[in-house]
Amino acid sequence: MPRSEELRIRAGDATLAATLLLPDEPPPDDRRGRYPNALLLPSWLPRDRDGSYDRVGHRDWFAQQAVVPGLLARLAEAFAARGIASLRADPRGCGGSDGAWEEVTLFAKIDDARDLLAAMRGRRDLDLRRTGIVGHGEGAGIALAVAIGDPAVSALTLIGASARSWRDTLRRAAASRGRRGTEHDHPIVAAIDRWSEDLIERAERQEPSFRLRMRGGGSVTLALAAFEQAIHTPPLALATMLHRSVALVHGSRDEWSDPDESALLAASLANAGETPQLHVIPRAGHELSEASKGQIGEIADDLAARLQPRDLPPVLVAIEEMG
């Protein structure tokens, strides 16, 4: 069985609760006893480290449905079975982490991801030269932003990614969910869809906050800096600056980000001279809960094959030699 370690990781002014999952088998002999590894980043809305909606810190926002294993937990188990360690953390304001989700900016989330990577690099049992990032939904854009400035990241897997700005993605997703009523049993999702145009307009005017009213009473005040930053930081622009191995995975029935968003990202990467891989999983939604164990294993196999050793900058060479 994989070995799980519960960690508390300092990220800026917050402490994040995290899980490091290590394979049970010994690390490869060719890497001085170090495991290849991956950082797993969740999608938008309050999530726990497993990638599921945060029903602990935000139980009133999410309907009490049957709880299924989150995508990131499924991927972590698949990676461990293939000799890859993984780190996943509760985002700020979720689960056991500090902060308030409603106030966290996109740029703070990017900085937190960098701090999580730094924590991984402080481990003597993890291979600094073979590190990947898996980003789901919003986490895909964060993965791109982190990898652009980090030459030691070997490969990325982007799941349910958006290409266009948050303005376009939200409008399209809200319209799709409105037609089908998808996920409107979650009060926060229904409220965001109902007030999406107000959110966009106020964020573009750089207003500081917006009071989001939910049906049935209750409200939440959202800081709009995160929305304004997401509007002006489209993943498509980030992809043009990335020169790394990338695989894109998308559910064919994703109603948070249409599959053609990943196709657009793949085309942009190809035009920049890269060779991205695009995999569409039939009948799967944004959470890939419909994906079989075999399909999750294929995602893990793909990343494992692309975690090739990278040349490290001098500071990371020094850290590696200290280990």
C-alpha atoms as a PDB file:
ATOM      1  CA  MET A   1       0.000   0.000   0.000  1.00  0.00           C
ATOM      2  CA  PRO A   2       1.197   3.577  -0.657  1.00  0.00           C
ATOM      3  CA  ARG A   3       2.544   5.488   2.345  1.00  0.00           C
ATOM      4  CA  SER A   4       0.689   8.666   3.244  1.00  0.00           C
ATOM      5  CA  GLU A   5       2.179  11.594   5.180  1.00  0.00           C
ATOM      6  CA  GLU A   6       0.057  14.460   6.508  1.00  0.00           C
ATOM      7  CA  LEU A   7       1.924  17.771   6.244  1.00  0.00           C
ATOM      8  CA  ARG A   8       1.518  21.417   7.235  1.00  0.00           C
ATOM      9  CA  ILE A   9       3.198  23.613   4.639  1.00  0.00           C
ATOM     10  CA  ARG A  10       3.854  27.318   4.962  1.00  0.00           C
ATOM     11  CA  ALA A  11       2.657  29.289   1.932  1.00  0.00           C
ATOM     12  CA  GLY A  12       3.073  33.046   2.248  1.00  0.00           C
ATOM     13  CA  ASP A  13       1.029  34.166   5.244  1.00  0.00           C
ATOM     14  CA  ALA A  14      -0.970  30.921   5.409  1.00  0.00           C
ATOM     15  CA  THR A  15      -0.408  27.306   6.367  1.00  0.00           C
ATOM     16  CA  LEU A  16      -1.789  24.664   4.025  1.00  0.00           C
ATOM     17  CA  ALA A  17      -2.825  21.169   5.065  1.00  0.00           C
ATOM     18  CA  ALA A  18      -1.463  18.637   2.591  1.00  0.00           C
ATOM     19  CA  THR A  19      -0.958  14.959   1.889  1.00  0.00           C
ATOM     20  CA  LEU A  20       2.215  13.480   0.423  1.00  0.00           C
ATOM     21  CA  LEU A  21       1.567  10.027  -1.008  1.00  0.00           C
ATOM     22  CA  LEU A  22       4.674   7.897  -1.480  1.00  0.00           C
ATOM     23  CA  PRO A  23       4.865   4.615  -3.391  1.00  0.00           C
ATOM     24  CA  ASP A  24       5.303   1.485  -1.320  1.00  0.00           C
ATOM     25  CA  GLU A  25       8.029   0.168  -3.604  1.00  0.00           C
ATOM     26  CA  PRO A  26      11.611   1.453  -3.281  1.00  0.00           C
ATOM     27  CA  PRO A  27      12.597   4.381  -5.505  1.00  0.00           C
ATOM     28  CA  PRO A  28      14.525   3.692  -8.723  1.00  0.00           C
ATOM     29  CA  ASP A  29      18.196   2.775  -8.316  1.00  0.00           C
ATOM     30  CA  ASP A  30      19.246   5.187 -11.068  1.00  0.00           C
ATOM     31  CA  ARG A  31      18.095   8.253  -9.129  1.00  0.00           C
ATOM     32  CA  ARG A  32      19.937   7.779  -5.833  1.00  0.00           C
ATOM     33  CA  GLY A  33      16.816   6.644  -4.012  1.00  0.00           C
ATOM     34  CA  ARG A  34      14.592   9.527  -5.128  1.00  0.00           C
ATOM     35  CA  TYR A  35      11.035   9.241  -6.435  1.00  0.00           C
ATOM     36  CA  PRO A  36       9.752  11.074  -9.501  1.00  0.00           C
ATOM     37  CA  ASN A  37       6.908  13.247  -8.283  1.00  0.00           C
ATOM     38  CA  ALA A  38       3.924  15.399  -9.188  1.00  0.00           C
ATOM     39  CA  LEU A  39       2.100  18.356  -7.667  1.00  0.00           C
ATOM     40  CA  LEU A  40      -1.708  18.063  -8.017  1.00  0.00           C
ATOM     41  CA  LEU A  41      -3.756  21.281  -8.267  1.00  0.00           C
ATOM     42  CA  PRO A  42      -7.582  21.329  -7.939  1.00  0.00           C
ATOM     43  CA  SER A  43     -10.261  23.057  -9.984  1.00  0.00           C
ATOM     44  CA  TRP A  44     -12.202  26.214  -9.105  1.00  0.00           C
ATOM     45  CA  LEU A  45     -14.701  26.686  -6.248  1.00  0.00           C
ATOM     46  CA  PRO A  46     -13.893  25.529  -2.701  1.00  0.00           C
ATOM     47  CA  ARG A  47     -12.214  22.133  -2.978  1.00  0.00           C
ATOM     48  CA  ASP A  48     -10.395  19.789  -0.653  1.00  0.00           C
ATOM     49  CA  ARG A  49      -7.034  18.230  -1.392  1.00  0.00           C
ATOM     50  CA  ASP A  50      -8.727  15.251  -3.064  1.00  0.00           C
ATOM     51  CA  GLY A  51     -10.291  17.544  -5.667  1.00  0.00           C
ATOM     52  CA  SER A  52     -13.837  17.170  -4.302  1.00  0.00           C
ATOM     53  CA  TYR A  53     -16.061  20.064  -3.276  1.00  0.00           C
ATOM     54  CA  ASP A  54     -15.177  21.216   0.235  1.00  0.00           C
ATOM     55  CA  ARG A  55     -18.094  19.798   2.229  1.00  0.00           C
ATOM     56  CA  VAL A  56     -16.265  20.404   5.531  1.00  0.00           C
ATOM     57  CA  GLY A  57     -15.593  24.128   5.417  1.00  0.00           C
ATOM     58  CA  HIS A  58     -18.481  24.949   3.053  1.00  0.00           C
ATOM     59  CA  ARG A  59     -21.111  22.357   3.795  1.00  0.00           C
ATOM     60  CA  ASP A  60     -23.981  24.815   3.236  1.00  0.00           C
ATOM     61  CA  TRP A  61     -22.793  25.549  -0.293  1.00  0.00           C
ATOM     62  CA  PHE A  62     -22.868  21.992  -1.587  1.00  0.00           C
ATOM     63  CA  ALA A  63     -25.715  19.529  -1.619  1.00  0.00           C
ATOM     64  CA  GLN A  64     -25.261  16.408   0.474  1.00  0.00           C
ATOM     65  CA  GLN A  65     -24.910  13.979  -2.378  1.00  0.00           C
ATOM     66  CA  ALA A  66     -23.198  10.611  -2.408  1.00  0.00           C
ATOM     67  CA  VAL A  67     -19.508  11.301  -1.878  1.00  0.00           C
ATOM     68  CA  VAL A  68     -17.294   9.744  -4.538  1.00  0.00           C
ATOM     69  CA  PRO A  69     -13.484   9.747  -4.579  1.00  0.00           C
ATOM     70  CA  GLY A  70     -12.141  13.052  -5.871  1.00  0.00           C
ATOM     71  CA  LEU A  71     -10.170  13.182  -9.103  1.00  0.00           C
ATOM     72  CA  LEU A  72      -6.904  14.178  -7.411  1.00  0.00           C
ATOM     73  CA  ALA A  73      -7.158  11.352  -4.881  1.00  0.00           C
ATOM     74  CA  ARG A  74      -7.737   8.867  -7.713  1.00  0.00           C
ATOM     75  CA  LEU A  75      -4.749  10.227  -9.610  1.00  0.00           C
ATOM     76  CA  ALA A  76      -2.536  10.141  -6.506  1.00  0.00           C
ATOM     77  CA  GLU A  77      -3.292   6.446  -5.999  1.00  0.00           C
ATOM     78  CA  ALA A  78      -2.617   5.735  -9.680  1.00  0.00           C
ATOM     79  CA  PHE A  79       0.706   7.589  -9.539  1.00  0.00           C
ATOM     80  CA  ALA A  80       1.777   5.732  -6.387  1.00  0.00           C
ATOM     81  CA  ALA A  81       1.063   2.415  -8.098  1.00  0.00           C
ATOM     82  CA  ARG A  82       3.497   3.513 -10.825  1.00  0.00           C
ATOM     83  CA  GLY A  83       6.291   4.597  -8.494  1.00  0.00           C
ATOM     84  CA  ILE A  84       5.483   8.314  -8.520  1.00  0.00           C
ATOM     85  CA  ALA A  85       5.065  10.368  -5.350  1.00  0.00           C
ATOM     86  CA  SER A  86       2.465  13.148  -5.289  1.00  0.00           C
ATOM     87  CA  LEU A  87       1.556  16.139  -3.160  1.00  0.00           C
ATOM     88  CA  ARG A  88      -1.936  17.583  -2.913  1.00  0.00           C
ATOM     89  CA  ALA A  89      -3.149  20.298  -0.522  1.00  0.00           C
ATOM     90  CA  ASP A  90      -6.346  21.914   0.688  1.00  0.00           C
ATOM     91  CA  PRO A  91      -6.495  25.365  -0.948  1.00  0.00           C
ATOM     92  CA  ARG A  92      -6.666  28.429   1.279  1.00  0.00           C
ATOM     93  CA  GLY A  93      -9.933  28.611   3.170  1.00  0.00           C
ATOM     94  CA  CYS A  94     -10.762  24.961   2.507  1.00  0.00           C
ATOM     95  CA  GLY A  95     -10.419  21.796   4.564  1.00  0.00           C
ATOM     96  CA  GLY A  96      -7.625  22.159   7.088  1.00  0.00           C
ATOM     97  CA  SER A  97      -5.903  25.161   5.478  1.00  0.00           C
ATOM     98  CA  ASP A  98      -5.839  28.750   6.719  1.00  0.00           C
ATOM     99  CA  GLY A  99      -7.602  31.668   5.093  1.00  0.00           C
ATOM    100  CA  ALA A 100     -10.932  32.454   3.449  1.00  0.00           C
ATOM    101  CA  TRP A 101     -11.653  31.091  -0.022  1.00  0.00           C
ATOM    102  CA  GLU A 102     -13.774  34.127  -0.885  1.00  0.00           C
ATOM    103  CA  GLU A 103     -10.761  36.446  -0.486  1.00  0.00           C
ATOM    104  CA  VAL A 104      -7.968  34.512  -2.230  1.00  0.00           C
ATOM    105  CA  THR A 105      -6.645  36.029  -5.460  1.00  0.00           C
ATOM    106  CA  LEU A 106      -5.503  34.070  -8.493  1.00  0.00           C
ATOM    107  CA  PHE A 107      -1.957  35.338  -8.038  1.00  0.00           C
ATOM    108  CA  ALA A 108      -1.957  34.137  -4.415  1.00  0.00           C
ATOM    109  CA  LYS A 109      -2.967  30.671  -5.632  1.00  0.00           C
ATOM    110  CA  ILE A 110      -0.055  30.721  -8.084  1.00  0.00           C
ATOM    111  CA  ASP A 111       2.327  31.703  -5.289  1.00  0.00           C
ATOM    112  CA  ASP A 112       0.915  28.926  -3.086  1.00  0.00           C
ATOM    113  CA  ALA A 113       1.595  26.383  -5.836  1.00  0.00           C
ATOM    114  CA  ARG A 114       5.187  27.598  -6.016  1.00  0.00           C
ATOM    115  CA  ASP A 115       5.524  27.206  -2.249  1.00  0.00           C
ATOM    116  CA  LEU A 116       4.163  23.668  -2.456  1.00  0.00           C
ATOM    117  CA  LEU A 117       6.793  22.876  -5.091  1.00  0.00           C
ATOM    118  CA  ALA A 118       9.467  24.369  -2.835  1.00  0.00           C
ATOM    119  CA  ALA A 119       8.294  22.094  -0.005  1.00  0.00           C
ATOM    120  CA  MET A 120       8.629  19.082  -2.281  1.00  0.00           C
ATOM    121  CA  ARG A 121      12.164  20.120  -3.187  1.00  0.00           C
ATOM    122  CA  GLY A 122      13.115  20.121   0.453  1.00  0.00           C
ATOM    123  CA  ARG A 123      12.509  16.369   0.576  1.00  0.00           C
ATOM    124  CA  ARG A 124      15.507  14.074   0.156  1.00  0.00           C
ATOM    125  CA  ASP A 125      13.310  11.250  -1.132  1.00  0.00           C
ATOM    126  CA  LEU A 126      11.943  13.232  -4.116  1.00  0.00           C
ATOM    127  CA  ASP A 127      13.792  13.684  -7.409  1.00  0.00           C
ATOM    128  CA  LEU A 128      14.172  17.393  -8.149  1.00  0.00           C
ATOM    129  CA  ARG A 129      14.925  16.619 -11.810  1.00  0.00           C
ATOM    130  CA  ARG A 130      11.693  14.713 -12.455  1.00  0.00           C
ATOM    131  CA  THR A 131       8.795  16.822 -11.208  1.00  0.00           C
ATOM    132  CA  GLY A 132       5.454  17.198 -12.971  1.00  0.00           C
ATOM    133  CA  ILE A 133       2.327  19.259 -12.353  1.00  0.00           C
ATOM    134  CA  VAL A 134      -1.243  18.087 -12.863  1.00  0.00           C
ATOM    135  CA  GLY A 135      -3.779  20.916 -12.981  1.00  0.00           C
ATOM    136  CA  HIS A 136      -7.550  20.464 -13.063  1.00  0.00           C
ATOM    137  CA  GLY A 137      -9.795  23.293 -14.282  1.00  0.00           C
ATOM    138  CA  GLU A 138      -8.487  26.496 -12.706  1.00  0.00           C
ATOM    139  CA  GLY A 139      -5.506  24.440 -11.543  1.00  0.00           C
ATOM    140  CA  ALA A 140      -4.538  23.948 -15.193  1.00  0.00           C
ATOM    141  CA  GLY A 141      -4.020  27.684 -15.640  1.00  0.00           C
ATOM    142  CA  ILE A 142      -2.091  27.824 -12.376  1.00  0.00           C
ATOM    143  CA  ALA A 143       0.097  24.937 -13.557  1.00  0.00           C
ATOM    144  CA  LEU A 144       0.925  26.848 -16.742  1.00  0.00           C
ATOM    145  CA  ALA A 145       1.809  30.011 -14.822  1.00  0.00           C
ATOM    146  CA  VAL A 146       4.092  28.112 -12.444  1.00  0.00           C
ATOM    147  CA  ALA A 147       5.843  26.035 -15.111  1.00  0.00           C
ATOM    148  CA  ILE A 148       6.661  29.050 -17.300  1.00  0.00           C
ATOM    149  CA  GLY A 149       8.931  30.420 -14.595  1.00  0.00           C
ATOM    150  CA  ASP A 150      10.281  27.096 -13.338  1.00  0.00           C
ATOM    151  CA  PRO A 151      12.739  25.360 -15.686  1.00  0.00           C
ATOM    152  CA  ALA A 152      12.913  22.294 -13.430  1.00  0.00           C
ATOM    153  CA  VAL A 153       9.307  21.211 -14.099  1.00  0.00           C
ATOM    154  CA  SER A 154       9.483  18.239 -16.458  1.00  0.00           C
ATOM    155  CA  ALA A 155       5.938  17.824 -17.747  1.00  0.00           C
ATOM    156  CA  LEU A 156       2.361  19.006 -17.321  1.00  0.00           C
ATOM    157  CA  THR A 157      -1.012  17.308 -17.526  1.00  0.00           C
ATOM    158  CA  LEU A 158      -3.901  19.760 -17.883  1.00  0.00           C
ATOM    159  CA  ILE A 159      -7.387  18.367 -17.200  1.00  0.00           C
ATOM    160  CA  GLY A 160     -10.566  20.250 -18.107  1.00  0.00           C
ATOM    161  CA  ALA A 161      -8.525  23.335 -18.924  1.00  0.00           C
ATOM    162  CA  SER A 162      -9.796  26.624 -20.300  1.00  0.00           C
ATOM    163  CA  ALA A 163      -8.015  28.472 -23.094  1.00  0.00           C
ATOM    164  CA  ARG A 164      -9.908  31.744 -23.223  1.00  0.00           C
ATOM    165  CA  SER A 165     -10.264  34.252 -20.431  1.00  0.00           C
ATOM    166  CA  TRP A 166     -12.429  33.656 -17.393  1.00  0.00           C
ATOM    167  CA  ARG A 167     -14.955  36.121 -18.845  1.00  0.00           C
ATOM    168  CA  ASP A 168     -15.645  33.910 -21.854  1.00  0.00           C
ATOM    169  CA  THR A 169     -15.399  30.649 -19.943  1.00  0.00           C
ATOM    170  CA  LEU A 170     -17.859  31.714 -17.246  1.00  0.00           C
ATOM    171  CA  ARG A 171     -20.406  33.035 -19.733  1.00  0.00           C
ATOM    172  CA  ARG A 172     -20.331  29.857 -21.772  1.00  0.00           C
ATOM    173  CA  ALA A 173     -20.429  27.565 -18.737  1.00  0.00           C
ATOM    174  CA  ALA A 174     -23.263  29.495 -17.074  1.00  0.00           C
ATOM    175  CA  ALA A 175     -25.311  29.306 -20.272  1.00  0.00           C
ATOM    176  CA  SER A 176     -24.680  25.574 -20.607  1.00  0.00           C
ATOM    177  CA  ARG A 177     -25.582  24.804 -16.994  1.00  0.00           C
ATOM    178  CA  GLY A 178     -28.605  27.107 -17.227  1.00  0.00           C
ATOM    179  CA  ARG A 179     -30.006  25.152 -20.159  1.00  0.00           C
ATOM    180  CA  ARG A 180     -29.593  21.821 -18.401  1.00  0.00           C
ATOM    181  CA  GLY A 181     -29.816  22.809 -14.724  1.00  0.00           C
ATOM    182  CA  THR A 182     -26.560  21.015 -14.087  1.00  0.00           C
ATOM    183  CA  GLU A 183     -25.133  21.399 -10.568  1.00  0.00           C
ATOM    184  CA  HIS A 184     -27.752  23.967  -9.587  1.00  0.00           C
ATOM    185  CA  ASP A 185     -28.468  21.915  -6.489  1.00  0.00           C
ATOM    186  CA  HIS A 186     -25.271  23.562  -5.202  1.00  0.00           C
ATOM    187  CA  PRO A 187     -26.353  27.048  -4.016  1.00  0.00           C
ATOM    188  CA  ILE A 188     -23.014  28.686  -4.763  1.00  0.00           C
ATOM    189  CA  VAL A 189     -22.951  27.346  -8.351  1.00  0.00           C
ATOM    190  CA  ALA A 190     -26.534  28.487  -8.984  1.00  0.00           C
ATOM    191  CA  ALA A 191     -25.755  31.924  -7.560  1.00  0.00           C
ATOM    192  CA  ILE A 192     -22.602  32.380  -9.628  1.00  0.00           C
ATOM    193  CA  ASP A 193     -24.477  31.410 -12.782  1.00  0.00           C
ATOM    194  CA  ARG A 194     -27.375  33.729 -11.947  1.00  0.00           C
ATOM    195  CA  TRP A 195     -25.133  36.717 -11.211  1.00  0.00           C
ATOM    196  CA  SER A 196     -22.372  35.955 -13.720  1.00  0.00           C
ATOM    197  CA  GLU A 197     -22.800  39.124 -15.775  1.00  0.00           C
ATOM    198  CA  ASP A 198     -22.741  41.292 -12.643  1.00  0.00           C
ATOM    199  CA  LEU A 199     -19.583  39.523 -11.485  1.00  0.00           C
ATOM    200  CA  ILE A 200     -17.879  40.096 -14.815  1.00  0.00           C
ATOM    201  CA  GLU A 201     -18.939  43.738 -15.122  1.00  0.00           C
ATOM    202  CA  ARG A 202     -17.939  44.640 -11.557  1.00  0.00           C
ATOM    203  CA  ALA A 203     -14.629  42.781 -11.811  1.00  0.00           C
ATOM    204  CA  GLU A 204     -13.754  44.590 -15.032  1.00  0.00           C
ATOM    205  CA  ARG A 205     -14.510  47.902 -13.292  1.00  0.00           C
ATOM    206  CA  GLN A 206     -12.076  46.767 -10.600  1.00  0.00           C
ATOM    207  CA  GLU A 207     -14.623  47.034  -7.827  1.00  0.00           C
ATOM    208  CA  PRO A 208     -13.264  45.478  -4.614  1.00  0.00           C
ATOM    209  CA  SER A 209     -16.087  43.058  -3.831  1.00  0.00           C
ATOM    210  CA  PHE A 210     -19.527  41.791  -4.743  1.00  0.00           C
ATOM    211  CA  ARG A 211     -22.211  40.446  -2.445  1.00  0.00           C
ATOM    212  CA  LEU A 212     -23.486  37.253  -4.050  1.00  0.00           C
ATOM    213  CA  ARG A 213     -27.029  36.432  -2.986  1.00  0.00           C
ATOM    214  CA  MET A 214     -28.113  32.813  -2.969  1.00  0.00           C
ATOM    215  CA  ARG A 215     -31.612  31.443  -3.385  1.00  0.00           C
ATOM    216  CA  GLY A 216     -33.264  30.469  -0.142  1.00  0.00           C
ATOM    217  CA  GLY A 217     -31.482  33.173   1.786  1.00  0.00           C
ATOM    218  CA  GLY A 218     -27.880  33.739   2.662  1.00  0.00           C
ATOM    219  CA  SER A 219     -25.127  35.487   0.799  1.00  0.00           C
ATOM    220  CA  VAL A 220     -21.366  35.555   0.435  1.00  0.00           C
ATOM    221  CA  THR A 221     -19.130  38.544  -0.269  1.00  0.00           C
ATOM    222  CA  LEU A 222     -16.599  37.711  -2.961  1.00  0.00           C
ATOM    223  CA  ALA A 223     -13.395  39.702  -3.363  1.00  0.00           C
ATOM    224  CA  LEU A 224     -13.248  40.549  -7.063  1.00  0.00           C
ATOM    225  CA  ALA A 225      -9.471  40.785  -7.471  1.00  0.00           C
ATOM    226  CA  ALA A 226      -9.335  37.054  -8.265  1.00  0.00           C
ATOM    227  CA  PHE A 227     -11.943  37.438 -10.998  1.00  0.00           C
ATOM    228  CA  GLU A 228     -10.269  40.507 -12.489  1.00  0.00           C
ATOM    229  CA  GLN A 229      -6.913  38.709 -12.550  1.00  0.00           C
ATOM    230  CA  ALA A 230      -8.454  35.640 -14.189  1.00  0.00           C
ATOM    231  CA  ILE A 231     -10.106  37.782 -16.867  1.00  0.00           C
ATOM    232  CA  HIS A 232      -6.742  39.270 -17.831  1.00  0.00           C
ATOM    233  CA  THR A 233      -4.662  36.078 -17.518  1.00  0.00           C
ATOM    234  CA  PRO A 234      -6.073  33.674 -20.115  1.00  0.00           C
ATOM    235  CA  PRO A 235      -4.318  30.285 -20.257  1.00  0.00           C
ATOM    236  CA  LEU A 236      -4.057  30.696 -24.030  1.00  0.00           C
ATOM    237  CA  ALA A 237      -1.615  33.577 -23.544  1.00  0.00           C
ATOM    238  CA  LEU A 238       0.362  31.582 -20.984  1.00  0.00           C
ATOM    239  CA  ALA A 239       0.598  28.584 -23.320  1.00  0.00           C
ATOM    240  CA  THR A 240       2.476  30.623 -25.927  1.00  0.00           C
ATOM    241  CA  MET A 241       5.309  31.097 -23.399  1.00  0.00           C
ATOM    242  CA  LEU A 242       5.565  27.446 -22.346  1.00  0.00           C
ATOM    243  CA  HIS A 243       8.175  25.093 -23.792  1.00  0.00           C
ATOM    244  CA  ARG A 244       7.504  21.850 -21.985  1.00  0.00           C
ATOM    245  CA  SER A 245       5.888  18.451 -22.503  1.00  0.00           C
ATOM    246  CA  VAL A 246       2.115  18.907 -22.173  1.00  0.00           C
ATOM    247  CA  ALA A 247      -0.829  16.506 -22.283  1.00  0.00           C
ATOM    248  CA  LEU A 248      -4.414  17.750 -22.238  1.00  0.00           C
ATOM    249  CA  VAL A 249      -7.314  15.645 -20.968  1.00  0.00           C
ATOM    250  CA  HIS A 250     -10.963  16.634 -21.230  1.00  0.00           C
ATOM    251  CA  GLY A 251     -14.322  15.038 -20.546  1.00  0.00           C
ATOM    252  CA  SER A 252     -16.595  15.189 -23.562  1.00  0.00           C
ATOM    253  CA  ARG A 253     -19.493  16.394 -21.364  1.00  0.00           C
ATOM    254  CA  ASP A 254     -17.597  19.006 -19.365  1.00  0.00           C
ATOM    255  CA  GLU A 255     -19.990  21.878 -18.546  1.00  0.00           C
ATOM    256  CA  TRP A 256     -17.408  24.016 -16.755  1.00  0.00           C
ATOM    257  CA  SER A 257     -15.029  24.188 -19.700  1.00  0.00           C
ATOM    258  CA  ASP A 258     -16.009  22.965 -23.151  1.00  0.00           C
ATOM    259  CA  PRO A 259     -13.687  20.353 -24.714  1.00  0.00           C
ATOM    260  CA  ASP A 260     -12.854  22.723 -27.538  1.00  0.00           C
ATOM    261  CA  GLU A 261     -10.972  24.822 -24.970  1.00  0.00           C
ATOM    262  CA  SER A 262      -8.358  22.071 -24.677  1.00  0.00           C
ATOM    263  CA  ALA A 263      -8.328  21.721 -28.460  1.00  0.00           C
ATOM    264  CA  LEU A 264      -7.563  25.446 -28.749  1.00  0.00           C
ATOM    265  CA  LEU A 265      -4.747  25.151 -26.203  1.00  0.00           C
ATOM    266  CA  ALA A 266      -3.326  22.169 -28.065  1.00  0.00           C
ATOM    267  CA  ALA A 267      -3.388  24.101 -31.344  1.00  0.00           C
ATOM    268  CA  SER A 268      -1.621  27.061 -29.749  1.00  0.00           C
ATOM    269  CA  LEU A 269       1.094  24.829 -28.301  1.00  0.00           C
ATOM    270  CA  ALA A 270       1.528  23.082 -31.652  1.00  0.00           C
ATOM    271  CA  ASN A 271       1.882  26.441 -33.443  1.00  0.00           C
ATOM    272  CA  ALA A 272       4.650  27.293 -30.969  1.00  0.00           C
ATOM    273  CA  GLY A 273       6.550  24.177 -32.004  1.00  0.00           C
ATOM    274  CA  GLU A 274       5.482  21.836 -29.199  1.00  0.00           C
ATOM    275  CA  THR A 275       3.870  18.398 -29.598  1.00  0.00           C
ATOM    276  CA  PRO A 276       0.942  18.401 -27.152  1.00  0.00           C
ATOM    277  CA  GLN A 277      -1.234  15.343 -26.689  1.00  0.00           C
ATOM    278  CA  LEU A 278      -5.027  15.714 -26.452  1.00  0.00           C
ATOM    279  CA  HIS A 279      -7.225  12.987 -24.947  1.00  0.00           C
ATOM    280  CA  VAL A 280     -11.014  13.352 -24.781  1.00  0.00           C
ATOM    281  CA  ILE A 281     -12.758  10.917 -22.427  1.00  0.00           C
ATOM    282  CA  PRO A 282     -16.217  10.032 -23.795  1.00  0.00           C
ATOM    283  CA  ARG A 283     -19.272  10.690 -21.598  1.00  0.00           C
ATOM    284  CA  ALA A 284     -17.174  12.193 -18.800  1.00  0.00           C
ATOM    285  CA  GLY A 285     -17.879  15.522 -17.106  1.00  0.00           C
ATOM    286  CA  HIS A 286     -15.560  18.058 -15.516  1.00  0.00           C
ATOM    287  CA  GLU A 287     -14.766  15.857 -12.511  1.00  0.00           C
ATOM    288  CA  LEU A 288     -13.982  12.790 -14.689  1.00  0.00           C
ATOM    289  CA  SER A 289     -16.013  10.775 -12.159  1.00  0.00           C
ATOM    290  CA  GLU A 290     -17.271   8.694 -15.080  1.00  0.00           C
ATOM    291  CA  ALA A 291     -13.718   7.734 -16.063  1.00  0.00           C
ATOM    292  CA  SER A 292     -12.824   4.138 -15.292  1.00  0.00           C
ATOM    293  CA  LYS A 293      -9.875   3.068 -13.178  1.00  0.00           C
ATOM    294  CA  GLY A 294      -8.183   2.058 -16.413  1.00  0.00           C
ATOM    295  CA  GLN A 295      -8.653   5.526 -17.929  1.00  0.00           C
ATOM    296  CA  ILE A 296      -7.266   7.192 -14.793  1.00  0.00           C
ATOM    297  CA  GLY A 297      -4.345   4.772 -15.038  1.00  0.00           C
ATOM    298  CA  GLU A 298      -3.722   5.836 -18.618  1.00  0.00           C
ATOM    299  CA  ILE A 299      -3.414   9.470 -17.496  1.00  0.00           C
ATOM    300  CA  ALA A 300      -0.886   8.365 -14.868  1.00  0.00           C
ATOM    301  CA  ASP A 301       1.023   6.194 -17.361  1.00  0.00           C
ATOM    302  CA  ASP A 302       1.258   9.120 -19.767  1.00  0.00           C
ATOM    303  CA  LEU A 303       2.728  11.508 -17.200  1.00  0.00           C
ATOM    304  CA  ALA A 304       5.111   8.832 -15.906  1.00  0.00           C
ATOM    305  CA  ALA A 305       6.515   8.396 -19.412  1.00  0.00           C
ATOM    306  CA  ARG A 306       7.060  12.147 -19.793  1.00  0.00           C
ATOM    307  CA  LEU A 307       8.817  12.753 -16.458  1.00  0.00           C
ATOM    308  CA  GLN A 308      12.230  12.915 -18.049  1.00  0.00           C
ATOM    309  CA  PRO A 309      15.146  14.378 -16.033  1.00  0.00           C
ATOM    310  CA  ARG A 310      15.614  18.114 -16.468  1.00  0.00           C
ATOM    311  CA  ASP A 311      18.753  20.199 -16.116  1.00  0.00           C
ATOM    312  CA  LEU A 312      18.499  22.111 -12.845  1.00  0.00           C
ATOM    313  CA  PRO A 313      19.376  25.759 -12.201  1.00  0.00           C
ATOM    314  CA  PRO A 314      22.370  26.192  -9.846  1.00  0.00           C
ATOM    315  CA  VAL A 315      20.272  26.766  -6.722  1.00  0.00           C
ATOM    316  CA  LEU A 316      18.446  23.460  -7.174  1.00  0.00           C
ATOM    317  CA  VAL A 317      21.693  21.656  -8.000  1.00  0.00           C
ATOM    318  CA  ALA A 318      22.977  22.846  -4.631  1.00  0.00           C
ATOM    319  CA  ILE A 319      19.833  21.582  -2.899  1.00  0.00           C
ATOM    320  CA  GLU A 320      20.143  18.249  -4.673  1.00  0.00           C
ATOM    321  CA  GLU A 321      23.782  17.859  -3.682  1.00  0.00           C
ATOM    322  CA  MET A 322      22.942  18.632  -0.060  1.00  0.00           C
ATOM    323  CA  GLY A 323      20.540  15.673  -0.107  1.00  0.00           C
END
